[in-house]
Amino acid sequence: QVQLVESGGGLVQPGGSLRLACAASGYIFSIYPMAWYRQAPGSQREFVARIAASGSTDYVDSVKGRSTISRDNAKNTVYLQMNSLKLEDAAVYYCYTTGGTLTCYWGQGTQVAVSS
């Protein structure tokens, strides 16, 4: 079955950087889009970034120019490089895919904390 495992979260100061990773298994990773979402306490889960199988990308406006989503099909892994982190970037970050099915698959999440 489809499994997504995120890693790379942590505590960082404002202006710092983190690279999140999501290792996928249980389906043909290379031919399906992948996405990152985040959820801050008391807020709804929101879209952050998406990468198509072709490599084309899309971002929420609040992270454009500061974040880069990428994928390594040889490693079945999608990354989210986040730079110039702000207090409002603090959230649990989730990896998402449908794996070509009608089911939404989420990872367990990785916590990003931004604090001075």
Protein backbone atom coordinates (compact mmCIF):
# COMPACT_ATOMS: atom_id res chain seq x y z
CA GLN A 1 0.00 0.00 0.00
CA VAL A 2 0.99 3.63 -0.40
CA GLN A 3 3.17 4.95 2.39
CA LEU A 4 4.58 8.43 2.85
CA VAL A 5 7.17 9.21 5.51
CA GLU A 6 8.23 12.78 6.12
CA SER A 7 11.42 13.94 7.80
CA GLY A 8 13.54 17.04 8.19
CA GLY A 9 11.43 19.21 10.44
CA GLY A 10 12.82 21.00 13.44
CA LEU A 11 13.30 24.28 15.25
CA VAL A 12 14.82 27.12 13.27
CA GLN A 13 15.25 30.84 13.83
CA PRO A 14 13.47 33.35 11.59
CA GLY A 15 15.45 33.70 8.38
CA GLY A 16 16.75 30.16 8.64
CA SER A 17 16.35 27.22 6.29
CA LEU A 18 15.10 23.65 6.40
CA ARG A 19 14.82 20.88 3.87
CA LEU A 20 11.92 18.53 4.32
CA ALA A 21 11.89 15.11 2.70
CA CYS A 22 9.11 12.65 2.00
CA ALA A 23 9.96 9.07 1.15
CA ALA A 24 7.22 7.29 -0.79
CA SER A 25 6.58 3.62 -1.35
CA GLY A 26 3.89 1.23 -2.54
CA TYR A 27 3.25 2.75 -5.96
CA ILE A 28 5.03 3.99 -9.08
CA PHE A 29 6.35 7.23 -7.64
CA SER A 30 7.77 8.73 -10.81
CA ILE A 31 4.52 9.05 -12.76
CA TYR A 32 2.33 10.86 -10.23
CA PRO A 33 2.29 14.37 -8.78
CA MET A 34 3.36 14.99 -5.22
CA ALA A 35 2.45 17.86 -2.94
CA TRP A 36 3.22 19.44 0.41
CA TYR A 37 0.56 20.82 2.70
CA ARG A 38 0.84 22.37 6.15
CA GLN A 39 -1.37 22.88 9.14
CA ALA A 40 -0.77 25.38 11.89
CA PRO A 41 -2.53 25.07 15.28
CA GLY A 42 -6.11 26.23 15.02
CA SER A 43 -5.95 26.50 11.24
CA GLN A 44 -7.08 24.40 8.32
CA ARG A 45 -4.60 22.36 6.36
CA GLU A 46 -3.37 24.43 3.44
CA PHE A 47 -1.61 23.73 0.17
CA VAL A 48 2.06 24.71 0.03
CA ALA A 49 3.61 23.31 -3.13
CA ARG A 50 3.08 20.71 -5.85
CA ILE A 51 5.33 19.01 -8.37
CA ALA A 52 4.05 17.16 -11.39
CA ALA A 53 5.58 14.05 -12.86
CA SER A 54 7.03 16.33 -15.53
CA GLY A 55 8.75 18.40 -12.88
CA SER A 56 6.57 21.46 -13.26
CA THR A 57 5.85 23.15 -9.96
CA ASP A 58 3.26 25.30 -8.28
CA TYR A 59 3.39 27.20 -4.98
CA VAL A 60 1.13 29.06 -2.64
CA ASP A 61 1.86 32.75 -2.91
CA SER A 62 3.13 33.01 0.67
CA VAL A 63 6.14 30.74 -0.03
CA LYS A 64 6.93 31.71 -3.62
CA GLY A 65 10.53 32.79 -3.99
CA ARG A 66 11.45 31.25 -0.63
CA SER A 67 10.71 27.58 -1.18
CA THR A 68 11.56 24.97 -3.79
CA ILE A 69 9.86 21.63 -4.28
CA SER A 70 11.82 18.94 -6.06
CA ARG A 71 11.73 15.22 -6.60
CA ASP A 72 14.27 12.43 -6.95
CA ASN A 73 12.55 9.60 -8.77
CA ALA A 74 15.51 7.29 -8.21
CA LYS A 75 14.98 7.63 -4.47
CA ASN A 76 11.17 7.89 -4.55
CA THR A 77 11.52 11.07 -2.54
CA VAL A 78 10.09 14.56 -2.77
CA TYR A 79 11.76 17.51 -1.05
CA LEU A 80 10.73 20.93 0.11
CA GLN A 81 13.58 23.37 0.58
CA MET A 82 12.40 26.30 2.66
CA ASN A 83 14.53 29.42 3.02
CA SER A 84 14.04 32.74 4.79
CA LEU A 85 11.63 31.07 7.16
CA LYS A 86 9.10 33.27 8.90
CA LEU A 87 7.16 32.84 12.11
CA GLU A 88 4.05 32.18 10.06
CA ASP A 89 5.70 29.18 8.38
CA ALA A 90 5.51 27.24 11.64
CA ALA A 91 3.22 24.25 11.15
CA VAL A 92 3.10 20.53 10.72
CA TYR A 93 4.05 19.78 7.13
CA TYR A 94 2.43 16.86 5.35
CA CYS A 95 3.31 15.04 2.17
CA TYR A 96 0.39 14.14 -0.13
CA THR A 97 -0.35 11.98 -3.12
CA THR A 98 -3.16 9.97 -4.60
CA GLY A 99 -0.72 7.51 -6.13
CA GLY A 100 -3.01 7.36 -9.12
CA THR A 101 -5.97 6.11 -7.08
CA LEU A 102 -9.13 7.76 -5.79
CA THR A 103 -7.66 7.78 -2.28
CA CYS A 104 -5.84 10.67 -0.63
CA TYR A 105 -2.66 9.54 1.06
CA TRP A 106 -0.94 11.61 3.73
CA GLY A 107 2.22 11.14 5.69
CA GLN A 108 2.35 11.43 9.46
CA GLY A 109 3.68 14.97 9.23
CA THR A 110 6.87 16.69 10.31
CA GLN A 111 6.88 19.65 12.70
CA VAL A 112 8.46 22.93 11.67
CA ALA A 113 8.91 25.43 14.47
CA VAL A 114 10.16 28.96 13.85
CA SER A 115 11.23 30.91 16.87
CA SER A 116 13.92 33.29 18.00
